[in-house]
């Protein structure tokens, strides 16, 4: 979801497994419901919130080359506050970690190109700025300028992304004013906003090694939290869709587990939510009883043996949306950084038999239940 890949991948990652330095463990700021009439505040909330345990900025989009070929891309930066004592005077103490994932989905290549990096924050080599979006991880960079445009430069292993994302519509606050509940208890939540329909331009270098000009549309999420999911949760399914009429759709469900195993193709839903902003700007929120995910096609990974519902029908109230993947194999193995394997891929969106948008679909907890 990204809440993505989000939310709690970092909490089970090997980087956080190291014992804390002697001293007092930090007290993490908790997510609480916002008072009536209150909401997230910008530009401050575009920046990092280091007192919370986990935070991520997540950009996904569809790009078109000059030759008319479509490719998908994903860039995620995570910031994680560790259990290291804040009073530890050492500049080498890993109080904050910065982790990055990037992927390029090209159907002609047959599977994802992806890369990951991680580092402790400090020494000007890795950081997440608090005043506005300003993230650095070695030579990976994401910044937001005074004009609201985002610049991303990701020289990854085997591919690269050099993109500018230009806002075309207001921020979309998820949940109530940006307080997004992820379970039945109020503390099972994050602060969460989206920036759909970002006009995107720049260049990419793909599997063929050629630099190519591209244009397209991006969806950007930003979430932060300190609370883990329900202990009965196995993982989640999430979608962020830029609709062709200028609208935007976000939907997720938290899946349960049975006997320590995930339900292949999707399990019992513990919680769900969706937000639909239509072409007129009207925003409709859908609660757990109004959101369903129904698998239509399962794909089995030849590497992990996991079965993912890569084609799915999502119902939001009385409206149905059919998602179909750009390519079946969009499994991302991030065990070197967050310790998780998940499916994250570009998908088309249909409604009433015709294509109405393009999206990214995220499926976690299908290799094994998330250890949260």
Protein backbone atom coordinates (compact mmCIF):
# COMPACT_ATOMS: atom_id res chain seq x y z
CA UNK A 1 0.00 0.00 0.00
CA UNK A 2 2.41 1.39 -0.32
CA UNK A 3 1.19 1.21 1.73
CA UNK A 4 4.79 0.02 -0.53
CA UNK A 5 5.61 -1.87 -0.18
CA UNK A 6 5.41 -0.40 1.75
CA UNK A 7 4.37 -0.17 5.08
CA UNK A 8 5.77 -2.91 6.95
CA UNK A 9 8.31 -4.54 4.74
CA UNK A 10 10.97 -2.60 6.57
CA UNK A 11 9.89 -3.93 9.92
CA UNK A 12 10.78 -7.46 8.90
CA UNK A 13 13.96 -6.56 7.03
CA UNK A 14 17.39 -7.86 7.96
CA UNK A 15 18.74 -4.33 8.35
CA UNK A 16 16.54 -3.91 11.41
CA UNK A 17 17.52 -7.20 12.95
CA UNK A 18 20.74 -5.93 14.51
CA UNK A 19 20.57 -5.44 18.29
CA UNK A 20 20.16 -1.91 19.53
CA UNK A 21 23.11 -0.15 21.10
CA UNK A 22 23.09 -0.05 24.92
CA UNK A 23 20.75 2.61 26.24
CA UNK A 24 17.11 3.51 25.97
CA UNK A 25 15.18 2.49 22.90
CA UNK A 26 13.46 5.45 21.21
CA UNK A 27 9.78 6.19 21.68
CA UNK A 28 8.09 6.22 18.29
CA UNK A 29 5.40 8.78 17.53
CA UNK A 30 2.06 7.04 17.05
CA UNK A 31 -0.56 7.65 14.39
CA UNK A 32 -3.79 8.99 15.91
CA UNK A 33 -7.08 9.98 14.26
CA UNK A 34 -7.13 13.59 13.15
CA UNK A 35 -9.60 15.89 14.86
CA UNK A 36 -12.62 17.03 12.86
CA UNK A 37 -11.59 19.67 10.37
CA UNK A 38 -7.90 18.82 10.68
CA UNK A 39 -5.78 17.43 7.85
CA UNK A 40 -2.19 17.02 6.78
CA UNK A 41 -0.33 20.30 6.20
CA UNK A 42 1.80 21.11 3.17
CA UNK A 43 4.56 21.68 2.23
CA UNK A 44 5.76 20.37 5.63
CA UNK A 45 4.16 16.94 5.18
CA UNK A 46 5.88 16.49 1.82
CA UNK A 47 9.03 16.04 3.92
CA UNK A 48 10.21 13.31 6.28
CA UNK A 49 8.80 12.53 9.74
CA UNK A 50 11.79 10.99 11.54
CA UNK A 51 10.03 10.39 14.88
CA UNK A 52 7.82 7.74 13.24
CA UNK A 53 9.17 4.23 12.73
CA UNK A 54 8.56 3.82 9.01
CA UNK A 55 8.00 6.10 6.02
CA UNK A 56 8.09 5.79 2.26
CA UNK A 57 7.73 7.77 -0.94
CA UNK A 58 6.49 5.61 -3.79
CA UNK A 59 6.27 6.56 -7.48
CA UNK A 60 4.77 4.27 -10.12
CA UNK A 61 3.85 5.03 -13.68
CA UNK A 62 3.42 4.12 -17.30
CA UNK A 63 5.83 5.64 -19.82
CA UNK A 64 5.68 5.73 -23.62
CA UNK A 65 8.74 5.90 -25.85
CA UNK A 66 8.99 7.89 -29.08
CA UNK A 67 8.38 4.61 -30.92
CA UNK A 68 5.11 4.11 -29.04
CA UNK A 69 6.24 1.29 -26.74
CA UNK A 70 4.76 1.24 -23.22
CA UNK A 71 6.84 0.44 -20.14
CA UNK A 72 6.11 0.63 -16.43
CA UNK A 73 8.39 1.90 -13.69
CA UNK A 74 8.55 1.99 -9.91
CA UNK A 75 10.77 3.98 -7.53
CA UNK A 76 10.42 3.70 -3.75
CA UNK A 77 12.45 5.36 -1.01
CA UNK A 78 12.01 4.11 2.56
CA UNK A 79 13.08 5.86 5.74
CA UNK A 80 13.17 3.71 8.87
CA UNK A 81 13.93 4.77 12.42
CA UNK A 82 15.72 1.95 14.22
CA UNK A 83 15.79 0.95 17.90
CA UNK A 84 19.18 2.62 18.38
CA UNK A 85 19.26 4.97 21.38
CA UNK A 86 18.87 8.59 20.23
CA UNK A 87 21.41 9.60 22.88
CA UNK A 88 24.14 7.52 21.24
CA UNK A 89 26.76 10.15 20.31
CA UNK A 90 28.40 8.15 17.54
CA UNK A 91 27.96 9.55 14.05
CA UNK A 92 28.08 5.95 12.85
CA UNK A 93 25.08 4.86 14.96
CA UNK A 94 22.36 3.65 12.55
CA UNK A 95 19.51 5.73 13.98
CA UNK A 96 17.84 6.16 10.59
CA UNK A 97 18.06 3.88 7.55
CA UNK A 98 17.38 4.90 3.96
CA UNK A 99 16.41 2.12 1.53
CA UNK A 100 15.62 2.36 -2.17
CA UNK A 101 13.90 0.08 -4.67
CA UNK A 102 13.63 0.72 -8.40
CA UNK A 103 12.19 -1.37 -11.23
CA UNK A 104 11.47 -1.13 -14.93
CA UNK A 105 8.79 -3.33 -16.52
CA UNK A 106 9.28 -3.96 -20.25
CA UNK A 107 7.17 -6.76 -21.75
CA UNK A 108 9.81 -7.25 -24.46
CA UNK A 109 12.31 -8.21 -21.75
CA UNK A 110 9.91 -10.74 -20.17
CA UNK A 111 10.53 -9.86 -16.52
CA UNK A 112 11.36 -6.94 -14.25
CA UNK A 113 14.65 -5.12 -14.28
CA UNK A 114 15.15 -4.12 -10.66
CA UNK A 115 17.72 -2.85 -8.20
CA UNK A 116 17.87 -2.02 -4.49
CA UNK A 117 20.14 -0.05 -2.18
CA UNK A 118 20.37 0.71 1.52
CA UNK A 119 22.48 2.84 3.86
CA UNK A 120 22.41 4.40 7.29
CA UNK A 121 21.53 8.09 7.14
CA UNK A 122 24.43 10.48 7.58
CA UNK A 123 27.58 12.09 6.20
CA UNK A 124 25.58 13.67 3.37
CA UNK A 125 25.49 10.31 1.58
CA UNK A 126 21.97 9.24 2.60
CA UNK A 127 19.20 11.39 4.07
CA UNK A 128 15.51 12.31 3.95
CA UNK A 129 14.91 16.04 4.43
CA UNK A 130 12.14 17.25 6.74
CA UNK A 131 11.16 20.59 5.15
CA UNK A 132 10.07 19.10 1.82
CA UNK A 133 10.66 16.00 -0.30
CA UNK A 134 14.44 15.72 -0.55
CA UNK A 135 15.85 12.20 -0.47
CA UNK A 136 19.34 10.99 -1.28
CA UNK A 137 20.74 7.47 -1.29
CA UNK A 138 24.25 7.53 -2.73
CA UNK A 139 23.66 8.64 -6.34
CA UNK A 140 19.90 7.99 -6.25
CA UNK A 141 17.94 11.21 -5.69
CA UNK A 142 14.35 12.45 -5.45
CA UNK A 143 13.54 16.11 -4.80
CA UNK A 144 10.53 18.41 -4.96
CA UNK A 145 11.15 21.93 -6.25
CA UNK A 146 9.52 25.22 -5.30
CA UNK A 147 7.31 24.90 -8.39
CA UNK A 148 5.94 21.56 -7.10
CA UNK A 149 7.73 19.43 -9.68
CA UNK A 150 9.57 16.29 -8.62
CA UNK A 151 12.92 15.33 -10.09
CA UNK A 152 14.15 11.73 -9.90
CA UNK A 153 17.55 10.46 -10.98
CA UNK A 154 18.01 6.72 -10.50
CA UNK A 155 21.19 5.26 -12.09
CA UNK A 156 20.36 1.65 -11.22
CA UNK A 157 22.17 -1.56 -12.08
CA UNK A 158 21.17 -2.56 -15.62
CA UNK A 159 18.86 0.42 -16.24
CA UNK A 160 18.36 4.06 -15.30
CA UNK A 161 15.56 6.59 -14.84
CA UNK A 162 15.88 10.36 -15.20
CA UNK A 163 12.38 11.80 -14.83
CA UNK A 164 10.48 14.99 -14.01
CA UNK A 165 6.98 14.69 -12.48
CA UNK A 166 4.70 17.72 -12.84
CA UNK A 167 1.51 18.07 -10.74
CA UNK A 168 -1.73 18.58 -12.67
CA UNK A 169 -4.26 18.38 -9.82
CA UNK A 170 -4.51 18.76 -6.02
CA UNK A 171 -3.16 16.35 -3.44
CA UNK A 172 -5.53 13.44 -2.73
CA UNK A 173 -5.81 12.84 1.02
CA UNK A 174 -6.48 9.20 1.84
CA UNK A 175 -8.92 8.28 4.60
CA UNK A 176 -10.07 11.12 6.85
CA UNK A 177 -7.90 14.14 6.15
CA UNK A 178 -4.90 11.86 5.55
CA UNK A 179 -5.51 9.46 8.46
CA UNK A 180 -5.79 6.08 6.73
CA UNK A 181 -6.98 3.15 8.83
CA UNK A 182 -5.48 -0.28 8.05
CA UNK A 183 -7.40 -2.38 10.58
CA UNK A 184 -10.26 -2.33 13.08
CA UNK A 185 -8.21 -0.64 15.81
CA UNK A 186 -7.50 3.10 15.53
CA UNK A 187 -3.74 2.64 15.98
CA UNK A 188 -3.60 0.30 12.96
CA UNK A 189 -3.22 3.24 10.61
CA UNK A 190 -0.89 5.51 8.69
CA UNK A 191 -0.83 9.10 7.55
CA UNK A 192 -1.24 8.87 3.79
CA UNK A 193 -1.68 11.10 0.77
CA UNK A 194 -1.41 10.54 -2.98
CA UNK A 195 -0.49 12.71 -5.95
CA UNK A 196 -2.13 11.13 -9.01
CA UNK A 197 -1.91 12.24 -12.63
CA UNK A 198 1.64 13.59 -12.45
CA UNK A 199 2.66 14.55 -15.99
CA UNK A 200 5.95 12.74 -16.56
CA UNK A 201 8.82 13.34 -18.98
CA UNK A 202 12.49 12.46 -19.22
CA UNK A 203 14.70 9.61 -20.34
CA UNK A 204 15.26 5.97 -19.46
CA UNK A 205 17.92 3.40 -20.25
CA UNK A 206 16.46 -0.08 -20.57
CA UNK A 207 17.74 -3.61 -21.09
CA UNK A 208 19.07 -2.72 -24.55
CA UNK A 209 21.38 -0.07 -23.08
CA UNK A 210 19.95 2.75 -25.21
CA UNK A 211 18.86 6.08 -23.71
CA UNK A 212 15.29 6.80 -24.80
CA UNK A 213 13.05 9.83 -24.36
CA UNK A 214 9.76 9.02 -22.64
CA UNK A 215 6.55 10.68 -21.52
CA UNK A 216 3.66 9.44 -19.43
CA UNK A 217 1.76 9.68 -16.16
CA UNK A 218 2.88 8.84 -12.61
CA UNK A 219 1.13 8.08 -9.32
CA UNK A 220 3.00 9.18 -6.17
CA UNK A 221 2.22 7.97 -2.64
CA UNK A 222 3.71 9.13 0.66
CA UNK A 223 2.93 7.33 3.94
CA UNK A 224 4.33 7.20 7.46
CA UNK A 225 3.44 5.17 10.54
CA UNK A 226 4.77 3.45 13.65
CA UNK A 227 2.17 0.71 14.08
CA UNK A 228 2.34 -2.81 12.67
CA UNK A 229 -0.63 -4.56 11.09
CA UNK A 230 -3.02 -6.94 12.79
CA UNK A 231 -1.14 -10.09 13.90
CA UNK A 232 -3.52 -12.19 11.79
CA UNK A 233 -2.53 -10.34 8.60
CA UNK A 234 -0.60 -12.21 5.92
CA UNK A 235 -0.10 -9.30 3.51
CA UNK A 236 -2.01 -6.89 1.32
CA UNK A 237 -3.20 -6.17 -2.21
CA UNK A 238 -3.06 -2.52 -3.35
CA UNK A 239 -3.74 -0.58 -6.54
CA UNK A 240 -3.19 3.03 -7.58
CA UNK A 241 -4.77 3.90 -10.94
CA UNK A 242 -4.53 7.01 -13.10
CA UNK A 243 -7.78 7.04 -15.07
CA UNK A 244 -7.96 8.29 -18.65
CA UNK A 245 -10.67 10.85 -17.81
CA UNK A 246 -8.40 12.53 -15.24
CA UNK A 247 -9.82 10.64 -12.28
CA UNK A 248 -7.89 8.53 -9.77
CA UNK A 249 -8.58 5.28 -7.91
CA UNK A 250 -6.79 3.82 -4.89
CA UNK A 251 -7.92 0.56 -3.29
CA UNK A 252 -6.40 -1.94 -0.89
CA UNK A 253 -7.27 -4.93 1.20
CA UNK A 254 -5.42 -6.54 4.12
CA UNK A 255 -5.48 -10.34 3.78
CA UNK A 256 -5.65 -12.81 6.64
CA UNK A 257 -3.72 -16.05 7.02
CA UNK A 258 -4.77 -19.60 7.87
CA UNK A 259 -2.59 -22.11 9.74
CA UNK A 260 0.42 -19.87 9.14
CA UNK A 261 -0.03 -19.90 5.37
CA UNK A 262 -1.46 -17.37 2.98
CA UNK A 263 -4.50 -18.26 0.92
CA UNK A 264 -3.17 -18.71 -2.60
CA UNK A 265 -4.87 -16.26 -4.92
CA UNK A 266 -6.15 -14.19 -2.01
CA UNK A 267 -7.44 -14.92 1.47
CA UNK A 268 -10.01 -13.62 3.89
CA UNK A 269 -10.14 -9.82 3.96
CA UNK A 270 -9.38 -8.33 7.38
CA UNK A 271 -9.74 -4.70 6.25
CA UNK A 272 -10.26 -2.80 3.02
CA UNK A 273 -10.67 0.74 1.77
CA UNK A 274 -10.87 2.63 -1.52
CA UNK A 275 -10.84 6.26 -2.66
CA UNK A 276 -12.20 7.34 -6.05
CA UNK A 277 -11.80 10.89 -7.32
CA UNK A 278 -13.85 11.15 -10.51
CA UNK A 279 -13.30 13.43 -13.50
CA UNK A 280 -15.31 16.24 -11.88
CA UNK A 281 -13.16 16.14 -8.74
CA UNK A 282 -15.80 14.49 -6.56
CA UNK A 283 -14.18 12.20 -3.95
CA UNK A 284 -15.90 9.05 -2.71
CA UNK A 285 -14.50 6.87 0.09
CA UNK A 286 -15.46 3.20 0.35
CA UNK A 287 -15.29 1.26 3.62
CA UNK A 288 -14.40 -2.40 4.21
CA UNK A 289 -17.90 -3.64 3.38
CA UNK A 290 -17.86 -1.89 -0.02
CA UNK A 291 -14.48 -3.08 -1.39
CA UNK A 292 -13.74 -6.55 -2.78
CA UNK A 293 -10.81 -8.07 -4.70
CA UNK A 294 -11.67 -11.11 -6.85
CA UNK A 295 -8.76 -12.95 -8.57
CA UNK A 296 -9.27 -13.83 -12.24
CA UNK A 297 -5.82 -15.14 -13.23
CA UNK A 298 -3.10 -16.70 -11.06
CA UNK A 299 0.55 -16.68 -12.11
CA UNK A 300 3.05 -19.04 -10.47
CA UNK A 301 6.59 -17.73 -10.04
CA UNK A 302 9.24 -20.14 -11.39
CA UNK A 303 11.66 -18.78 -8.77
CA UNK A 304 9.65 -18.82 -5.53
CA UNK A 305 6.66 -21.03 -6.40
CA UNK A 306 4.28 -18.34 -5.12
CA UNK A 307 0.95 -17.88 -6.87
CA UNK A 308 -0.06 -14.26 -7.40
CA UNK A 309 -3.50 -13.01 -8.56
CA UNK A 310 -2.03 -10.89 -11.36
CA UNK A 311 -5.42 -10.24 -12.99
CA UNK A 312 -8.13 -9.15 -10.60
CA UNK A 313 -11.57 -7.55 -10.48
CA UNK A 314 -11.97 -4.86 -7.85
CA UNK A 315 -15.43 -3.73 -6.78
CA UNK A 316 -15.91 -0.32 -5.16
CA UNK A 317 -19.57 -0.16 -4.27
CA UNK A 318 -21.51 -0.93 -7.44
CA UNK A 319 -18.59 -0.20 -9.79
CA UNK A 320 -16.27 -2.96 -11.04
CA UNK A 321 -12.73 -2.47 -12.32
CA UNK A 322 -10.79 -5.18 -14.18
CA UNK A 323 -6.99 -5.11 -13.90
CA UNK A 324 -4.72 -7.02 -16.31
CA UNK A 325 -0.90 -7.06 -16.08
CA UNK A 326 1.47 -5.61 -18.66
CA UNK A 327 3.35 -8.91 -18.24
CA UNK A 328 2.84 -11.78 -15.77
CA UNK A 329 6.37 -11.85 -14.33
CA UNK A 330 6.70 -8.68 -12.27
CA UNK A 331 7.96 -10.33 -9.10
CA UNK A 332 10.48 -8.26 -7.15
CA UNK A 333 13.00 -9.92 -4.84
CA UNK A 334 14.19 -7.39 -2.22
CA UNK A 335 15.68 -9.82 0.27
CA UNK A 336 18.99 -7.93 0.21
CA UNK A 337 17.32 -4.84 1.72
CA UNK A 338 13.83 -5.30 3.20
CA UNK A 339 13.86 -9.09 3.35
CA UNK A 340 10.68 -9.51 1.30
CA UNK A 341 9.64 -10.89 -2.09
CA UNK A 342 6.50 -9.41 -3.62
CA UNK A 343 4.75 -8.78 -6.94
CA UNK A 344 4.64 -5.17 -8.10
CA UNK A 345 3.59 -4.44 -11.63
CA UNK A 346 2.06 -2.29 -14.32
CA UNK A 347 -1.55 -3.13 -15.21
CA UNK A 348 -4.29 -1.80 -17.46
CA UNK A 349 -7.71 -0.92 -16.03
CA UNK A 350 -11.02 -1.73 -17.75
CA UNK A 351 -14.58 -0.86 -16.81
CA UNK A 352 -17.62 -1.96 -18.73
CA UNK A 353 -15.46 -3.79 -21.27
CA UNK A 354 -13.26 -0.84 -22.31
CA UNK A 355 -9.91 0.40 -21.09
CA UNK A 356 -10.28 3.39 -18.77
CA UNK A 357 -6.84 3.78 -17.21
CA UNK A 358 -3.44 2.45 -16.24
CA UNK A 359 -2.34 1.36 -12.80
CA UNK A 360 0.21 -0.33 -10.60
CA UNK A 361 -0.81 -3.40 -8.60
CA UNK A 362 1.08 -4.54 -5.51
CA UNK A 363 0.73 -8.02 -3.97
CA UNK A 364 2.60 -8.90 -0.76
CA UNK A 365 2.65 -11.89 1.57
CA UNK A 366 2.23 -14.54 -1.14
CA UNK A 367 5.66 -16.12 -0.71
CA UNK A 368 5.17 -16.31 3.06
CA UNK A 369 3.08 -14.36 5.57
CA UNK A 370 4.62 -11.04 6.51
CA UNK A 371 6.33 -11.21 9.89
CA UNK A 372 4.97 -8.09 11.51
